[in-house]
Structure formats: structure tokens, C-alpha cells
Protein backbone atom coordinates (compact mmCIF):
# COMPACT_ATOMS: atom_id res chain seq x y z
CA MET A 1 68.35 -1.38 85.78
CA ARG A 2 67.63 1.36 88.61
CA LYS A 3 65.32 2.94 85.98
CA ILE A 4 62.95 -0.17 85.47
CA LEU A 5 62.52 -0.65 89.52
CA PHE A 6 60.88 2.77 89.17
CA GLY A 7 58.37 2.11 87.09
CA ILE A 8 57.43 -1.11 88.68
CA PHE A 9 56.69 0.67 92.04
CA ALA A 10 55.25 3.76 90.58
CA PHE A 11 52.93 1.42 88.74
CA VAL A 12 50.94 0.04 92.34
CA PHE A 13 50.75 3.83 93.70
CA ALA A 14 47.93 4.80 91.26
CA PHE A 15 45.67 1.96 92.58
CA ALA A 16 46.03 2.70 96.07
CA PHE A 17 46.03 6.44 96.43
CA VAL A 18 41.91 7.35 95.27
CA VAL A 19 39.21 6.46 97.81
CA SER A 20 35.47 7.88 97.29
CA SER A 21 32.73 9.53 99.62
CA ALA A 22 31.01 7.74 102.09
CA ASP A 23 27.47 9.04 100.20
CA ALA A 24 26.41 6.25 98.18
CA ALA A 25 23.68 8.23 96.38
CA LYS A 26 23.91 8.60 92.44
CA PRO A 27 22.91 11.47 91.42
CA LEU A 28 20.95 12.62 87.87
CA LYS A 29 23.60 13.77 85.36
CA THR A 30 22.62 17.12 84.22
CA GLU A 31 25.82 17.93 81.84
CA PRO A 32 24.44 17.64 78.05
CA TRP A 33 27.60 15.80 77.18
CA THR A 34 28.50 12.12 78.48
CA SER A 35 31.50 9.89 77.97
CA VAL A 36 30.42 7.04 75.74
CA ASP A 37 34.06 5.63 75.10
CA SER A 38 37.52 6.12 75.96
CA LEU A 39 40.39 4.91 73.43
CA TYR A 40 44.32 5.33 73.37
CA ILE A 41 45.65 4.96 69.92
CA GLU A 42 49.23 3.79 69.76
CA ALA A 43 51.97 5.23 67.91
CA ASP A 44 54.06 2.31 66.74
CA THR A 45 51.51 1.07 64.54
CA LEU A 46 49.35 1.65 61.61
CA ASN A 47 46.54 -0.78 62.62
CA PRO A 48 43.28 1.48 63.52
CA VAL A 49 41.50 1.28 66.65
CA GLU A 50 37.64 1.21 66.21
CA SER A 51 35.41 3.14 68.64
CA VAL A 52 31.84 1.76 70.07
CA PRO A 53 29.35 2.15 67.26
CA LEU A 54 28.07 5.76 67.33
CA GLU A 55 24.32 5.87 67.16
CA ASP A 56 22.70 6.89 63.59
CA GLY A 57 21.81 10.75 63.88
CA ALA A 58 23.27 11.07 67.67
CA LYS A 59 25.62 14.30 67.76
CA TYR A 60 29.22 13.34 69.57
CA LYS A 61 31.98 14.84 70.51
CA VAL A 62 35.62 13.67 69.85
CA VAL A 63 38.57 15.17 72.13
CA VAL A 64 41.83 13.73 71.46
CA LYS A 65 44.57 14.66 74.39
CA GLY A 66 48.82 14.36 75.09
CA THR A 67 52.08 13.57 72.74
CA TYR A 68 53.97 10.92 71.60
CA PHE A 69 57.31 10.40 70.45
CA ALA A 70 58.11 9.77 67.21
CA GLY A 71 62.15 9.36 66.90
CA ASP A 72 64.72 12.03 66.02
CA GLY A 73 64.11 14.36 68.75
CA ILE A 74 60.24 14.48 67.48
CA GLU A 75 57.48 14.97 70.19
CA ALA A 76 53.90 15.20 68.67
CA ASP A 77 50.51 15.76 69.00
CA ALA A 78 47.62 15.07 66.96
CA LYS A 79 47.95 17.86 64.62
CA CYS A 80 51.89 19.40 65.03
CA SER A 81 54.95 18.65 66.27
CA PHE A 82 58.67 19.94 67.74
CA ARG A 83 62.08 18.38 66.77
CA THR A 84 64.65 19.08 68.90
CA PRO A 85 67.18 20.88 68.72
CA THR A 86 65.87 22.75 65.50
CA SER A 87 62.41 23.54 65.45
CA ILE A 88 61.67 27.29 67.29
CA GLU A 89 57.82 26.56 67.69
CA TRP A 90 55.65 23.57 67.28
CA THR A 91 54.46 23.31 63.71
CA ASP A 92 52.01 21.62 61.27
CA LEU A 93 54.83 20.74 59.03
CA VAL A 94 57.14 18.35 60.65
CA ASN A 95 60.51 19.81 60.69
CA HIS A 96 63.11 18.37 58.36
CA TYR A 97 60.38 16.18 57.27
CA GLU A 98 58.70 18.93 55.26
CA SER A 99 58.20 17.30 51.93
CA PHE A 100 56.17 14.77 53.42
CA GLY A 101 52.74 17.03 54.04
CA PRO A 102 51.06 18.37 56.73
CA GLU A 103 49.13 15.34 57.64
CA LEU A 104 52.76 13.03 58.72
CA LEU A 105 52.38 12.37 62.38
CA ASP A 106 48.81 13.49 62.94
CA LEU A 107 45.80 11.22 63.99
CA MET A 108 43.75 10.23 61.16
CA MET A 109 39.61 9.72 61.83
CA ASN A 110 38.42 7.89 59.31
CA GLY A 111 41.30 8.81 57.22
CA ASP A 112 41.45 12.18 57.80
CA SER A 113 43.02 14.76 59.89
CA VAL A 114 40.24 17.04 61.08
CA TRP A 115 41.69 19.25 64.19
CA GLY A 116 41.27 22.53 62.71
CA ASP A 117 44.31 24.98 61.52
CA GLU A 118 46.22 25.67 64.80
CA CYS A 119 48.51 24.33 67.13
CA ASN A 120 47.23 24.02 70.34
CA PRO A 121 49.55 24.39 73.10
CA GLU A 122 47.74 22.48 75.69
CA HIS A 123 48.15 19.20 73.09
CA THR A 124 44.09 19.11 73.10
CA TYR A 125 41.65 18.99 70.08
CA TYR A 126 38.38 18.11 69.59
CA THR A 127 35.79 17.91 66.39
CA THR A 128 31.89 16.87 66.63
CA VAL A 129 30.29 14.52 64.30
CA ILE A 130 26.90 12.68 63.58
CA GLY A 131 26.68 9.33 64.35
CA ASP A 132 26.22 6.76 61.24
CA GLY A 133 25.45 3.32 63.09
CA GLY A 134 29.07 2.68 62.50
CA PRO A 135 32.19 2.98 64.59
CA LEU A 136 34.81 5.70 64.56
CA SER A 137 38.36 4.40 63.29
CA PHE A 138 41.59 6.29 64.34
CA ASN A 139 45.09 5.42 63.79
CA ILE A 140 48.30 7.70 63.67
CA TYR A 141 49.85 8.45 60.26
CA ASP A 142 53.71 8.17 59.83
CA ILE A 143 56.07 6.80 57.36
CA TYR A 144 57.75 4.68 60.03
CA PRO A 145 55.95 4.31 62.84
CA SER A 146 58.18 1.36 64.22
CA ASN A 147 60.39 4.41 65.63
CA ASN A 148 57.44 5.68 68.01
CA THR A 149 56.73 5.67 71.03
CA GLU A 150 53.44 5.86 73.52
CA GLY A 151 50.32 7.71 72.20
CA LEU A 152 47.50 9.84 72.45
CA ASP A 153 44.00 9.62 74.16
CA VAL A 154 40.88 9.80 72.76
CA GLU A 155 37.43 10.32 74.21
CA ILE A 156 34.01 10.34 72.67
CA TYR A 157 30.98 12.16 74.34
CA LYS A 158 27.35 11.69 73.38
CA PHE A 159 25.19 15.10 73.60
CA TRP A 160 21.72 14.34 74.97
CA LYS A 161 19.39 17.07 73.86
CA ASN A 162 16.91 16.11 76.88
CA PRO A 163 19.56 15.41 80.23
CA GLY A 164 16.91 13.35 82.15
CA GLU A 165 17.60 10.51 79.25
CA GLN A 166 21.37 10.02 79.93
CA PRO A 167 22.64 6.85 81.85
CA ASN A 168 22.53 7.07 85.51
CA SER A 169 24.36 4.64 86.68
CA CYS A 170 28.08 5.83 87.39
CA THR A 171 29.03 8.66 89.31
CA THR A 172 31.99 10.46 87.87
CA ILE A 173 34.79 12.95 89.18
CA GLN A 174 32.93 16.15 88.00
CA SER A 175 30.24 15.20 90.16
CA GLY A 176 32.73 16.64 93.61
CA GLU A 177 32.21 13.43 95.36
CA LEU A 178 34.82 11.09 94.94
CA LEU A 179 37.95 11.93 97.42
CA THR A 180 41.31 11.16 97.83
CA SER A 181 42.62 8.79 100.76
CA ASP A 182 43.57 12.06 102.56
CA GLY A 183 40.02 13.43 102.55
CA SER A 184 40.69 15.81 99.11
CA THR A 185 38.41 16.38 96.72
CA ILE A 186 39.10 14.64 93.19
CA GLU A 187 38.96 17.03 90.35
CA THR A 188 39.26 16.94 86.74
CA GLY A 189 42.82 18.27 85.55
CA PHE A 190 46.18 17.70 87.54
CA ASP A 191 46.26 17.74 90.79
CA GLN A 192 49.18 18.97 92.96
CA TRP A 193 51.58 15.85 92.65
CA GLY A 194 50.71 15.11 89.00
CA TYR A 195 47.79 12.64 88.87
CA ASN A 196 45.07 13.33 86.60
CA TYR A 197 42.41 10.65 87.00
CA GLN A 198 39.82 11.71 84.97
CA GLY A 199 42.17 11.67 81.94
CA LYS A 200 43.82 8.58 83.45
CA LEU A 201 47.72 9.62 83.52
CA PHE A 202 50.50 10.74 85.62
CA ASN A 203 52.96 13.49 84.47
CA GLY A 204 55.34 14.57 87.09
CA LYS A 205 58.63 13.46 89.34
CA TYR A 206 59.33 10.15 90.63
CA CYS A 207 59.00 11.19 94.01
CA ASP A 208 55.70 13.04 93.48
CA ALA A 209 53.78 9.36 92.40
CA TYR A 210 54.66 8.71 96.41
CA LYS A 211 53.51 12.64 97.94
CA ASP A 212 57.21 13.12 98.07
CA ALA A 213 57.89 10.44 100.82
CA ALA A 214 61.41 10.60 102.37
CA TRP A 215 62.55 6.76 101.16
CA CYS A 216 62.84 7.86 97.20
CA GLN A 217 64.25 11.32 98.01
CA GLU A 218 67.35 9.61 96.06
CA TYR A 219 65.52 9.64 92.91
CA LYS A 220 63.33 13.34 93.26
CA GLU A 221 64.68 14.50 90.17
CA ASP A 222 63.70 11.77 87.60
CA ASN A 223 60.82 12.31 85.51
CA LEU A 224 57.29 10.07 85.60
CA ILE A 225 54.56 9.77 83.03
CA MET A 226 52.11 6.83 83.38
CA LYS A 227 49.33 6.32 81.36
CA TRP A 228 46.55 3.62 81.93
CA ASN A 229 43.03 2.31 80.76
CA ASP A 230 39.61 2.19 82.31
CA ALA A 231 40.22 -1.34 82.99
CA TRP A 232 43.36 -0.34 85.13
CA LEU A 233 42.08 2.44 87.15
CA SER A 234 38.56 4.44 85.75
CA ASN A 235 37.41 7.85 86.13
CA LYS A 236 34.03 7.12 86.97
CA ASP A 237 32.18 4.18 89.62
CA CYS A 238 29.92 2.13 88.04
CA SER A 239 29.85 -0.54 90.70
CA GLY A 240 28.19 1.13 93.59
CA ASP A 241 31.18 1.04 95.86
CA ASN A 242 32.06 4.63 95.63
CA LYS A 243 35.63 4.13 94.81
CA LEU A 244 37.09 4.57 91.43
CA ASP A 245 36.31 1.08 89.21
CA ARG A 246 39.17 -1.13 88.77
CA HIS A 247 38.95 -4.26 86.09
CA TYR A 248 34.98 -3.47 86.34
CA GLY A 249 32.37 -6.46 86.64
CA LEU A 250 35.13 -9.22 87.48
CA ASP A 251 36.75 -10.54 90.13
CA SER A 252 40.50 -10.06 89.09
CA TYR A 253 42.49 -8.02 86.73
CA ILE A 254 42.91 -11.26 84.58
CA GLY A 255 40.51 -11.24 81.34
CA SER A 256 39.87 -7.66 82.04
CA GLY A 257 42.23 -5.72 79.13
CA ALA A 258 43.82 -3.67 81.67
CA TRP A 259 47.09 -2.06 80.74
CA LEU A 260 49.72 1.09 81.96
CA THR A 261 52.46 2.65 80.00
CA ASN A 262 55.57 3.96 81.91
CA HIS A 263 58.09 6.58 80.34
CA MET A 264 60.80 7.75 82.90
CA SER A 265 63.87 9.72 82.36
CA GLY A 266 66.59 11.62 83.68
CA VAL A 267 70.06 12.68 83.83
CA TYR A 268 73.20 11.20 86.03
CA SER A 269 77.18 11.18 86.19
CA ASP A 270 79.71 9.44 85.70
CA LYS A 271 83.09 9.17 84.73
CA ASN A 272 82.96 10.18 81.23
CA GLY A 273 80.33 13.24 82.34
CA ASP A 274 76.40 13.70 82.74
CA GLN A 275 74.27 11.08 80.89
CA LYS A 276 70.88 11.14 80.10
CA TRP A 277 68.49 8.25 79.82
CA ASN A 278 64.82 7.24 79.29
CA TYR A 279 62.96 4.30 79.88
CA PHE A 280 59.78 3.27 78.52
CA VAL A 281 57.48 0.18 79.36
CA LYS A 282 54.13 -1.54 78.46
CA ILE A 283 52.64 -3.72 80.81
CA VAL A 284 48.95 -5.91 80.27
CA ALA A 285 46.71 -7.81 82.52
CA ALA A 286 47.17 -11.69 81.22
CA PRO A 287 44.43 -12.90 79.28
CA GLU A 288 41.60 -15.41 81.19
CA ASP A 289 43.06 -18.42 79.21
CA ALA A 290 46.81 -17.56 79.40
CA GLU A 291 49.32 -19.77 81.67
CA GLN A 292 52.24 -18.75 83.73
CA LYS A 293 54.98 -21.06 83.93
CA ASN A 294 58.42 -19.80 85.26
CA GLY A 295 57.98 -16.38 85.79
CA ILE A 296 56.63 -16.43 82.11
CA TRP A 297 53.26 -15.67 80.70
CA TYR A 298 51.91 -17.71 77.76
CA SER A 299 48.73 -17.63 74.94
CA ALA A 300 46.51 -20.43 75.29
CA ASP A 301 48.20 -21.93 72.22
CA GLY A 302 51.75 -21.62 73.92
CA VAL A 303 53.29 -18.08 72.58
CA GLU A 304 55.19 -15.97 74.96
CA ILE A 305 53.63 -13.01 76.17
CA GLY A 306 56.12 -11.80 77.87
CA PRO A 307 57.79 -11.72 81.89
CA SER A 308 55.22 -11.94 84.66
CA ILE A 309 54.55 -8.89 87.33
CA TRP A 310 52.39 -8.63 90.26
CA GLY A 311 50.54 -11.97 89.46
CA GLU A 312 48.48 -10.67 87.23
CA PHE A 313 50.33 -8.96 84.17
CA ALA A 314 52.65 -9.43 81.91
CA ILE A 315 55.67 -7.29 80.31
CA ILE A 316 54.88 -6.85 76.73
CA GLN A 317 57.34 -4.17 75.49
CA GLU A 318 60.52 -2.25 77.09
CA VAL A 319 62.32 0.56 75.07
CA SER A 320 65.46 2.13 76.86
CA ASN A 321 67.80 4.73 75.93
CA ASP A 322 71.04 5.42 77.94
CA SER A 323 73.95 7.52 77.04
CA GLY A 324 76.05 5.89 79.57
CA THR A 325 75.80 2.12 78.92
CA GLY A 326 75.06 2.50 75.47
CA ASP A 327 71.71 1.37 75.58
CA HIS A 328 69.81 2.29 72.38
CA GLY A 329 66.47 1.35 71.65
CA LEU A 330 64.25 -2.54 72.24
CA LEU A 331 65.06 -3.89 75.11
CA TYR A 332 62.40 -6.63 74.72
CA LYS A 333 59.52 -7.07 72.60
CA SER A 334 56.43 -10.05 73.09
CA LEU A 335 56.40 -12.44 70.83
CA LEU A 336 52.91 -12.52 71.00
CA ARG A 337 52.19 -9.03 69.97
CA SER A 338 53.04 -5.74 71.65
CA GLY A 339 49.81 -3.53 71.09
CA LEU A 340 47.94 -2.65 74.03
CA GLY A 341 44.25 -3.33 72.74
CA ASN A 342 42.51 -6.41 72.72
CA TRP A 343 44.02 -8.39 75.62
């Protein structure tokens, strides 16, 4: 199970790499849009995810990014999809499933697909809405969601007619004041190693997660994608310690709702030739009322959450596919639930 250890080591790195500048001043924000909510929409469930309530009459921009995997060789974003090996380009209709219509695999917002008419090669879409006092509801429409892995990231921004009215308590990456451990300015988008702290994800080679460290060269051709939420590692500093926040407002990750996913893939050779493998895992911070016994986290009413990892976290789902070993599909699923929300 070499690939499982990949994920465990790589998770830790996202914590340690970021520090901020020594300037503790909180600048006045001048951008007209301010993020008010960040959501992760899992692809393996039809259950909707709701945003915070949107102020009645206020203008908001909703941005969705990323791709997920829908089984049968299909990779999809909020609007379009690509099926290996039969697709030649990303399309609105799902290749081989055209009869189900153009909304199949789309991200639905309040029951509608609202992401325009064209496929975006960057897999980023946005729309604007006027708040009505209630939340927005998101889910991925699929006829067989349990076959899916990973999900999509949604960010909701509020428009401020008067920038002087914006909240002034947090320092953002856009301010240019937050630095990495080697003194480089953290910028939006991907850095040279594959980290995107604004987007809360890493996408690169395994060794890039460790800045090409000598000890991991054996695995340098393996691929690694990590995604996390604000509680795991935020993209801003609201606590005033000049660092990107972790479990903001709490002393530890316990009860924070923090989560992280890890998707790894690669190739290797054995006596039967070249083999392909991929591995996906979900990890969550243990709930405040959970109890750990013999290496397993349990809910307050005694239901198994999942194996303990790093003391404060539990594995809630593992999926493995390996052409050499015959692994195919689910390795583990929490007896309580395997969704990333509401922990």
C-alpha cells in the first residue's frame, strides 16, 4: 500500500509551508468583491449543499472551479465533460450518455444549470445573482452519483458599492503581504510547485509537494492532487497572527470541521508489463464529542467514524484502483457517513 503513505506524508506539507509577513497592519480593502462563503460540492451525492444566507437585494458573484471524476472514464466540470477514450473535446452533452440531456453531470444552483453556453478550458465558470435573504443550494446532477469521486469548489463574493463598508478584519493573499517560508510572496494561482493557496489545492507531482526533496525521488513521477477547506488551511488571516489561519477560533482541529482530500495516480511495471493505479482518500477532523478507541474514532452514540490519523483526524473513505493487484473501487467507507460536510 505504498500509495496510501504518499497521501499521509503529503497532507502534512500543506500546513508547514506558509508563513506571513512581519507587518501586522490590516490594510483597508479596496476591491469591490469580497468572499463571503466557500463551499465544496461532493460529486458522489445528490444531497444539496447550502451557502450562507445572501442579503436581500445585494449583488453576489458565484464562481465554480475544478473537475471531478464520474466513472466510465469521464472527467467533468460544472458544465462540460470529457470521456476517455471516445471524446475528442470537452462537450456539454456527456459522450455516450447524450440521451440524458445537456444538464447531466452539471453543477446545479437552486435546481438550474447557470454556467453559460461554452465549455471553459480552465474549468472555471461564474454567474451573478441578487440575494433574497436565503441561501443558495448546490448539487451535482447525475443518474449514478455513487460512482463519482472528488468534487467542485464554489466561492461566493459580495459586491460592495462603497468599498469603505467592507469588513476590515482579515488580510488576504491579494494584499501581497503574505509570504512563504522562503520569503516569496504568496500569489493567487499556482506557484512553481503546484500549490494554489487561494484555491485551497495542490496539483502536481508527488515530490513537488516537498520542493523536490532528495528523499522522495523514487516517487517523483507519481501524480498528486490535494484539496482542503478553510478550517484545514485558510486563504486569509483573520486571527491577526500574520499566518494563513488553521481551525480559526479553536485551539485544535477537533470539532473544526476541517477536511482534506487526496487523489494520487501513477504507473509501474511488474512481470505482466505496465500497470496503472490511482488512490483517493477523504480525511476529516474528529467531531468535538467523538471518542477515539484502539485507533478508531467513534461518534458520541458509538458509531464508527473511521481510522484515526495524526491524532485529531479520521479517514472516512478510501478508493483504490490498480490494474496490477486487481484493486477496484471502495476500500473503506465510514459507517457514520462519508460526506465531507457537517463534521
